[in-house]
Amino acid sequence: MQTSRSPSSGGSSMMKFNSKSPTFRIGEPVFRGGSGTDCEDFVRDVRKRALSKGKHFDDEWIAYYAASCMTGAALRWFEQLEERTQKDWKLLRRALLDNYPSDQPNPNAIIPGRTS
């Protein structure tokens, strides 16, 4: 079993990892589900990573990359999606944003009974 200092705790505590622990590289986006803002940040971070790898036009690569960054509730949600959606970043991105709606009200939304 390996141990590693936790950077967020100032190195004072040790975290234990074994071969069954999920591993994520520092700087990799991780999406567990949660708020609409978390989802928007994840979509942005995945896009940035795809751009940095020269894969920004490869929807299948981006979809597989995004899936590899999901864990917990987000991973379980992803696994119930149709295979077509799992493999296409355009469809997956839309499904993510629909499933985790914005936390902020849409300033362009038409609200019944409201006049300008």
N, C-alpha and C. Protein backbone atom coordinates (compact mmCIF):
# COMPACT_ATOMS: atom_id res chain seq x y z
N MET A 1 0.83 -1.17 0.00
CA MET A 1 0.00 0.00 0.00
C MET A 1 0.88 1.23 0.00
N GLN A 2 0.56 2.22 -0.89
CA GLN A 2 1.31 3.44 -0.97
C GLN A 2 0.65 4.50 -0.11
N THR A 3 1.44 5.43 0.35
CA THR A 3 0.89 6.59 1.04
C THR A 3 1.36 7.84 0.33
N SER A 4 0.58 8.89 0.45
CA SER A 4 0.92 10.15 -0.19
C SER A 4 0.45 11.29 0.69
N ARG A 5 1.24 12.35 0.72
CA ARG A 5 0.82 13.52 1.48
C ARG A 5 -0.31 14.22 0.75
N SER A 6 -1.27 14.67 1.48
CA SER A 6 -2.40 15.38 0.91
C SER A 6 -2.04 16.85 0.74
N PRO A 7 -2.02 17.38 -0.50
CA PRO A 7 -1.64 18.76 -0.69
C PRO A 7 -2.64 19.73 -0.07
N SER A 8 -3.91 19.35 0.00
CA SER A 8 -4.92 20.26 0.53
C SER A 8 -4.83 20.41 2.03
N SER A 9 -4.17 19.49 2.70
CA SER A 9 -4.07 19.59 4.16
C SER A 9 -2.71 20.11 4.59
N GLY A 10 -1.98 20.67 3.65
CA GLY A 10 -0.67 21.21 3.99
C GLY A 10 0.36 20.14 4.26
N GLY A 11 0.09 18.90 3.86
CA GLY A 11 1.04 17.82 4.03
C GLY A 11 1.05 17.22 5.41
N SER A 12 0.13 17.64 6.29
CA SER A 12 0.15 17.13 7.65
C SER A 12 -0.50 15.77 7.81
N SER A 13 -1.39 15.41 6.92
CA SER A 13 -2.02 14.09 7.03
C SER A 13 -1.59 13.21 5.87
N MET A 14 -1.65 11.93 6.09
CA MET A 14 -1.28 10.97 5.04
C MET A 14 -2.55 10.31 4.53
N MET A 15 -2.62 10.16 3.21
CA MET A 15 -3.74 9.45 2.61
C MET A 15 -3.21 8.11 2.14
N LYS A 16 -3.96 7.06 2.37
CA LYS A 16 -3.52 5.74 1.94
C LYS A 16 -4.21 5.36 0.64
N PHE A 17 -3.43 4.82 -0.26
CA PHE A 17 -3.95 4.36 -1.54
C PHE A 17 -3.57 2.90 -1.70
N ASN A 18 -4.46 2.14 -2.26
CA ASN A 18 -4.10 0.78 -2.64
C ASN A 18 -4.46 0.59 -4.10
N SER A 19 -4.21 -0.55 -4.63
CA SER A 19 -4.42 -0.78 -6.06
C SER A 19 -5.89 -0.68 -6.45
N LYS A 20 -6.81 -0.74 -5.50
CA LYS A 20 -8.23 -0.65 -5.81
C LYS A 20 -8.77 0.77 -5.67
N SER A 21 -7.97 1.71 -5.17
CA SER A 21 -8.41 3.09 -5.01
C SER A 21 -8.50 3.75 -6.37
N PRO A 22 -9.57 4.56 -6.60
CA PRO A 22 -9.60 5.30 -7.86
C PRO A 22 -8.48 6.33 -7.86
N THR A 23 -7.82 6.50 -8.98
CA THR A 23 -6.74 7.47 -9.04
C THR A 23 -7.08 8.51 -10.10
N PHE A 24 -6.87 9.76 -9.78
CA PHE A 24 -7.06 10.86 -10.70
C PHE A 24 -5.80 11.70 -10.64
N ARG A 25 -5.34 12.12 -11.80
CA ARG A 25 -4.17 12.98 -11.83
C ARG A 25 -4.56 14.37 -11.38
N ILE A 26 -3.65 15.06 -10.73
CA ILE A 26 -3.91 16.43 -10.32
C ILE A 26 -4.18 17.25 -11.57
N GLY A 27 -5.21 18.05 -11.51
CA GLY A 27 -5.60 18.87 -12.65
C GLY A 27 -6.65 18.23 -13.53
N GLU A 28 -6.89 16.93 -13.37
CA GLU A 28 -7.93 16.26 -14.15
C GLU A 28 -9.29 16.64 -13.58
N PRO A 29 -10.26 16.94 -14.44
CA PRO A 29 -11.59 17.20 -13.90
C PRO A 29 -12.20 15.92 -13.33
N VAL A 30 -12.93 16.06 -12.25
CA VAL A 30 -13.65 14.94 -11.64
C VAL A 30 -15.08 15.41 -11.43
N PHE A 31 -16.03 14.64 -11.90
CA PHE A 31 -17.44 15.01 -11.73
C PHE A 31 -18.15 13.91 -10.98
N ARG A 32 -18.74 14.29 -9.83
CA ARG A 32 -19.46 13.36 -8.96
C ARG A 32 -20.96 13.54 -9.05
N GLY A 33 -21.41 14.52 -9.83
CA GLY A 33 -22.82 14.90 -9.84
C GLY A 33 -22.93 16.17 -9.04
N GLY A 34 -24.09 16.49 -8.59
CA GLY A 34 -24.23 17.67 -7.75
C GLY A 34 -24.97 18.79 -8.43
N SER A 35 -24.43 19.98 -8.31
CA SER A 35 -25.14 21.18 -8.76
C SER A 35 -24.96 21.44 -10.26
N GLY A 36 -25.81 22.32 -10.75
CA GLY A 36 -25.69 22.76 -12.13
C GLY A 36 -24.37 23.47 -12.37
N THR A 37 -23.92 24.24 -11.39
CA THR A 37 -22.64 24.93 -11.51
C THR A 37 -21.49 23.94 -11.61
N ASP A 38 -21.54 22.87 -10.79
CA ASP A 38 -20.52 21.82 -10.87
C ASP A 38 -20.49 21.22 -12.27
N CYS A 39 -21.66 20.99 -12.84
CA CYS A 39 -21.75 20.40 -14.18
C CYS A 39 -21.19 21.35 -15.23
N GLU A 40 -21.56 22.62 -15.14
CA GLU A 40 -21.04 23.60 -16.09
C GLU A 40 -19.52 23.69 -16.02
N ASP A 41 -18.98 23.67 -14.82
CA ASP A 41 -17.52 23.69 -14.64
C ASP A 41 -16.88 22.45 -15.26
N PHE A 42 -17.53 21.29 -15.07
CA PHE A 42 -17.01 20.04 -15.63
C PHE A 42 -16.99 20.10 -17.15
N VAL A 43 -18.08 20.55 -17.76
CA VAL A 43 -18.15 20.65 -19.22
C VAL A 43 -17.05 21.58 -19.72
N ARG A 44 -16.87 22.72 -19.06
CA ARG A 44 -15.82 23.66 -19.45
C ARG A 44 -14.43 23.02 -19.33
N ASP A 45 -14.19 22.32 -18.21
CA ASP A 45 -12.88 21.70 -17.99
C ASP A 45 -12.59 20.59 -19.00
N VAL A 46 -13.62 19.81 -19.35
CA VAL A 46 -13.45 18.76 -20.36
C VAL A 46 -13.12 19.39 -21.71
N ARG A 47 -13.81 20.47 -22.05
CA ARG A 47 -13.52 21.17 -23.31
C ARG A 47 -12.08 21.68 -23.34
N LYS A 48 -11.64 22.27 -22.24
CA LYS A 48 -10.27 22.78 -22.17
C LYS A 48 -9.26 21.65 -22.37
N ARG A 49 -9.52 20.49 -21.74
CA ARG A 49 -8.60 19.36 -21.87
C ARG A 49 -8.58 18.86 -23.30
N ALA A 50 -9.74 18.76 -23.93
CA ALA A 50 -9.81 18.32 -25.33
C ALA A 50 -9.04 19.28 -26.23
N LEU A 51 -9.20 20.56 -25.99
CA LEU A 51 -8.49 21.56 -26.78
C LEU A 51 -6.98 21.43 -26.59
N SER A 52 -6.56 21.23 -25.35
CA SER A 52 -5.12 21.12 -25.08
C SER A 52 -4.51 19.86 -25.70
N LYS A 53 -5.33 18.85 -25.93
CA LYS A 53 -4.85 17.60 -26.54
C LYS A 53 -5.07 17.58 -28.06
N GLY A 54 -5.62 18.67 -28.61
CA GLY A 54 -5.90 18.71 -30.05
C GLY A 54 -7.04 17.80 -30.45
N LYS A 55 -7.93 17.50 -29.52
CA LYS A 55 -9.04 16.57 -29.77
C LYS A 55 -10.39 17.28 -29.76
N HIS A 56 -10.40 18.61 -29.85
CA HIS A 56 -11.63 19.37 -29.71
C HIS A 56 -12.67 19.12 -30.80
N PHE A 57 -12.31 18.47 -31.90
CA PHE A 57 -13.27 18.12 -32.93
C PHE A 57 -13.63 16.63 -32.89
N ASP A 58 -13.09 15.90 -31.95
CA ASP A 58 -13.29 14.45 -31.86
C ASP A 58 -14.31 14.14 -30.75
N ASP A 59 -15.60 14.18 -31.13
CA ASP A 59 -16.68 14.01 -30.14
C ASP A 59 -16.63 12.67 -29.42
N GLU A 60 -16.19 11.63 -30.09
CA GLU A 60 -16.11 10.33 -29.43
C GLU A 60 -14.99 10.32 -28.37
N TRP A 61 -13.83 10.87 -28.72
CA TRP A 61 -12.73 10.94 -27.76
C TRP A 61 -13.14 11.75 -26.53
N ILE A 62 -13.78 12.90 -26.77
CA ILE A 62 -14.19 13.76 -25.66
C ILE A 62 -15.20 13.05 -24.77
N ALA A 63 -16.15 12.32 -25.37
CA ALA A 63 -17.15 11.60 -24.58
C ALA A 63 -16.49 10.53 -23.72
N TYR A 64 -15.55 9.78 -24.28
CA TYR A 64 -14.85 8.76 -23.49
C TYR A 64 -14.00 9.40 -22.40
N TYR A 65 -13.37 10.53 -22.73
CA TYR A 65 -12.57 11.22 -21.72
C TYR A 65 -13.47 11.70 -20.57
N ALA A 66 -14.59 12.33 -20.90
CA ALA A 66 -15.51 12.81 -19.88
C ALA A 66 -15.99 11.67 -18.99
N ALA A 67 -16.32 10.54 -19.61
CA ALA A 67 -16.78 9.38 -18.83
C ALA A 67 -15.70 8.90 -17.87
N SER A 68 -14.45 8.98 -18.29
CA SER A 68 -13.36 8.52 -17.42
C SER A 68 -13.15 9.44 -16.23
N CYS A 69 -13.74 10.62 -16.26
CA CYS A 69 -13.62 11.60 -15.17
C CYS A 69 -14.82 11.57 -14.23
N MET A 70 -15.77 10.68 -14.48
CA MET A 70 -16.97 10.62 -13.64
C MET A 70 -16.81 9.56 -12.57
N THR A 71 -17.41 9.83 -11.42
CA THR A 71 -17.41 8.90 -10.31
C THR A 71 -18.70 9.07 -9.53
N GLY A 72 -18.98 8.14 -8.65
CA GLY A 72 -20.16 8.24 -7.78
C GLY A 72 -21.47 8.33 -8.55
N ALA A 73 -22.34 9.24 -8.11
CA ALA A 73 -23.67 9.38 -8.71
C ALA A 73 -23.60 9.73 -10.20
N ALA A 74 -22.61 10.54 -10.59
CA ALA A 74 -22.48 10.90 -12.01
C ALA A 74 -22.15 9.68 -12.86
N LEU A 75 -21.29 8.82 -12.37
CA LEU A 75 -20.94 7.61 -13.11
C LEU A 75 -22.15 6.68 -13.23
N ARG A 76 -22.88 6.53 -12.15
CA ARG A 76 -24.09 5.69 -12.20
C ARG A 76 -25.11 6.25 -13.18
N TRP A 77 -25.28 7.57 -13.20
CA TRP A 77 -26.19 8.21 -14.14
C TRP A 77 -25.71 7.97 -15.58
N PHE A 78 -24.41 8.16 -15.82
CA PHE A 78 -23.84 7.96 -17.15
C PHE A 78 -24.09 6.55 -17.66
N GLU A 79 -23.93 5.56 -16.81
CA GLU A 79 -24.06 4.16 -17.22
C GLU A 79 -25.48 3.78 -17.64
N GLN A 80 -26.47 4.58 -17.25
CA GLN A 80 -27.83 4.26 -17.66
C GLN A 80 -28.22 4.94 -18.97
N LEU A 81 -27.34 5.78 -19.50
CA LEU A 81 -27.60 6.46 -20.77
C LEU A 81 -27.53 5.48 -21.94
N GLU A 82 -28.20 5.83 -23.02
CA GLU A 82 -28.10 5.03 -24.24
C GLU A 82 -26.65 5.07 -24.73
N GLU A 83 -26.22 3.99 -25.35
CA GLU A 83 -24.85 3.90 -25.84
C GLU A 83 -24.50 5.03 -26.79
N ARG A 84 -25.44 5.41 -27.63
CA ARG A 84 -25.21 6.50 -28.59
C ARG A 84 -24.84 7.79 -27.86
N THR A 85 -25.52 8.08 -26.77
CA THR A 85 -25.24 9.29 -25.99
C THR A 85 -23.90 9.16 -25.28
N GLN A 86 -23.59 7.98 -24.79
CA GLN A 86 -22.31 7.77 -24.11
C GLN A 86 -21.12 8.02 -25.02
N LYS A 87 -21.28 7.80 -26.32
CA LYS A 87 -20.17 7.88 -27.26
C LYS A 87 -20.09 9.19 -28.04
N ASP A 88 -21.03 10.11 -27.82
CA ASP A 88 -21.07 11.35 -28.61
C ASP A 88 -21.07 12.54 -27.66
N TRP A 89 -20.00 13.34 -27.68
CA TRP A 89 -19.87 14.46 -26.76
C TRP A 89 -21.01 15.45 -26.90
N LYS A 90 -21.48 15.71 -28.12
CA LYS A 90 -22.59 16.66 -28.28
C LYS A 90 -23.83 16.16 -27.55
N LEU A 91 -24.14 14.89 -27.69
CA LEU A 91 -25.31 14.32 -27.00
C LEU A 91 -25.07 14.22 -25.50
N LEU A 92 -23.87 13.81 -25.11
CA LEU A 92 -23.54 13.67 -23.69
C LEU A 92 -23.56 15.03 -23.00
N ARG A 93 -23.00 16.03 -23.64
CA ARG A 93 -22.98 17.38 -23.06
C ARG A 93 -24.40 17.87 -22.82
N ARG A 94 -25.27 17.67 -23.80
CA ARG A 94 -26.68 18.09 -23.65
C ARG A 94 -27.35 17.31 -22.51
N ALA A 95 -27.10 15.99 -22.44
CA ALA A 95 -27.69 15.17 -21.38
C ALA A 95 -27.20 15.62 -20.01
N LEU A 96 -25.91 15.93 -19.90
CA LEU A 96 -25.36 16.42 -18.63
C LEU A 96 -26.06 17.71 -18.19
N LEU A 97 -26.13 18.68 -19.09
CA LEU A 97 -26.70 19.97 -18.75
C LEU A 97 -28.21 19.89 -18.50
N ASP A 98 -28.90 18.96 -19.15
CA ASP A 98 -30.33 18.75 -18.88
C ASP A 98 -30.53 18.09 -17.52
N ASN A 99 -29.67 17.13 -17.19
CA ASN A 99 -29.82 16.39 -15.93
C ASN A 99 -29.39 17.22 -14.72
N TYR A 100 -28.44 18.12 -14.92
CA TYR A 100 -27.94 18.98 -13.84
C TYR A 100 -28.19 20.43 -14.26
N PRO A 101 -29.45 20.89 -14.15
CA PRO A 101 -29.80 22.23 -14.65
C PRO A 101 -29.10 23.35 -13.89
N SER A 102 -29.07 24.51 -14.52
CA SER A 102 -28.40 25.67 -13.96
C SER A 102 -28.96 26.04 -12.60
N ASP A 103 -28.07 26.48 -11.73
CA ASP A 103 -28.46 26.96 -10.40
C ASP A 103 -28.96 28.41 -10.48
N GLN A 104 -28.61 29.09 -11.56
CA GLN A 104 -28.93 30.50 -11.71
C GLN A 104 -30.16 30.66 -12.60
N PRO A 105 -31.03 31.61 -12.27
CA PRO A 105 -32.18 31.86 -13.15
C PRO A 105 -31.69 32.42 -14.48
N ASN A 106 -32.38 32.06 -15.54
CA ASN A 106 -32.03 32.52 -16.88
C ASN A 106 -32.56 33.95 -17.04
N PRO A 107 -31.68 34.92 -17.20
CA PRO A 107 -32.15 36.31 -17.31
C PRO A 107 -32.95 36.56 -18.59
N ASN A 108 -32.85 35.67 -19.58
CA ASN A 108 -33.58 35.83 -20.84
C ASN A 108 -34.89 35.05 -20.85
N ALA A 109 -35.18 34.35 -19.76
CA ALA A 109 -36.40 33.55 -19.71
C ALA A 109 -37.62 34.45 -19.65
N ILE A 110 -38.69 34.02 -20.31
CA ILE A 110 -39.94 34.75 -20.29
C ILE A 110 -40.73 34.26 -19.08
N ILE A 111 -41.03 35.19 -18.19
CA ILE A 111 -41.76 34.84 -16.97
C ILE A 111 -43.19 35.33 -17.12
N PRO A 112 -44.18 34.41 -17.07
CA PRO A 112 -45.59 34.82 -17.23
C PRO A 112 -45.97 35.87 -16.20
N GLY A 113 -46.73 36.89 -16.66
CA GLY A 113 -47.21 37.92 -15.76
C GLY A 113 -46.21 39.04 -15.52
N ARG A 114 -45.02 38.91 -16.05
CA ARG A 114 -43.99 39.94 -15.84
C ARG A 114 -43.96 40.86 -17.06
N THR A 115 -44.03 42.16 -16.80
CA THR A 115 -43.97 43.12 -17.91
C THR A 115 -42.66 43.87 -17.86
N SER A 116 -42.23 44.36 -19.01
CA SER A 116 -40.97 45.08 -19.10
C SER A 116 -41.10 46.47 -18.55
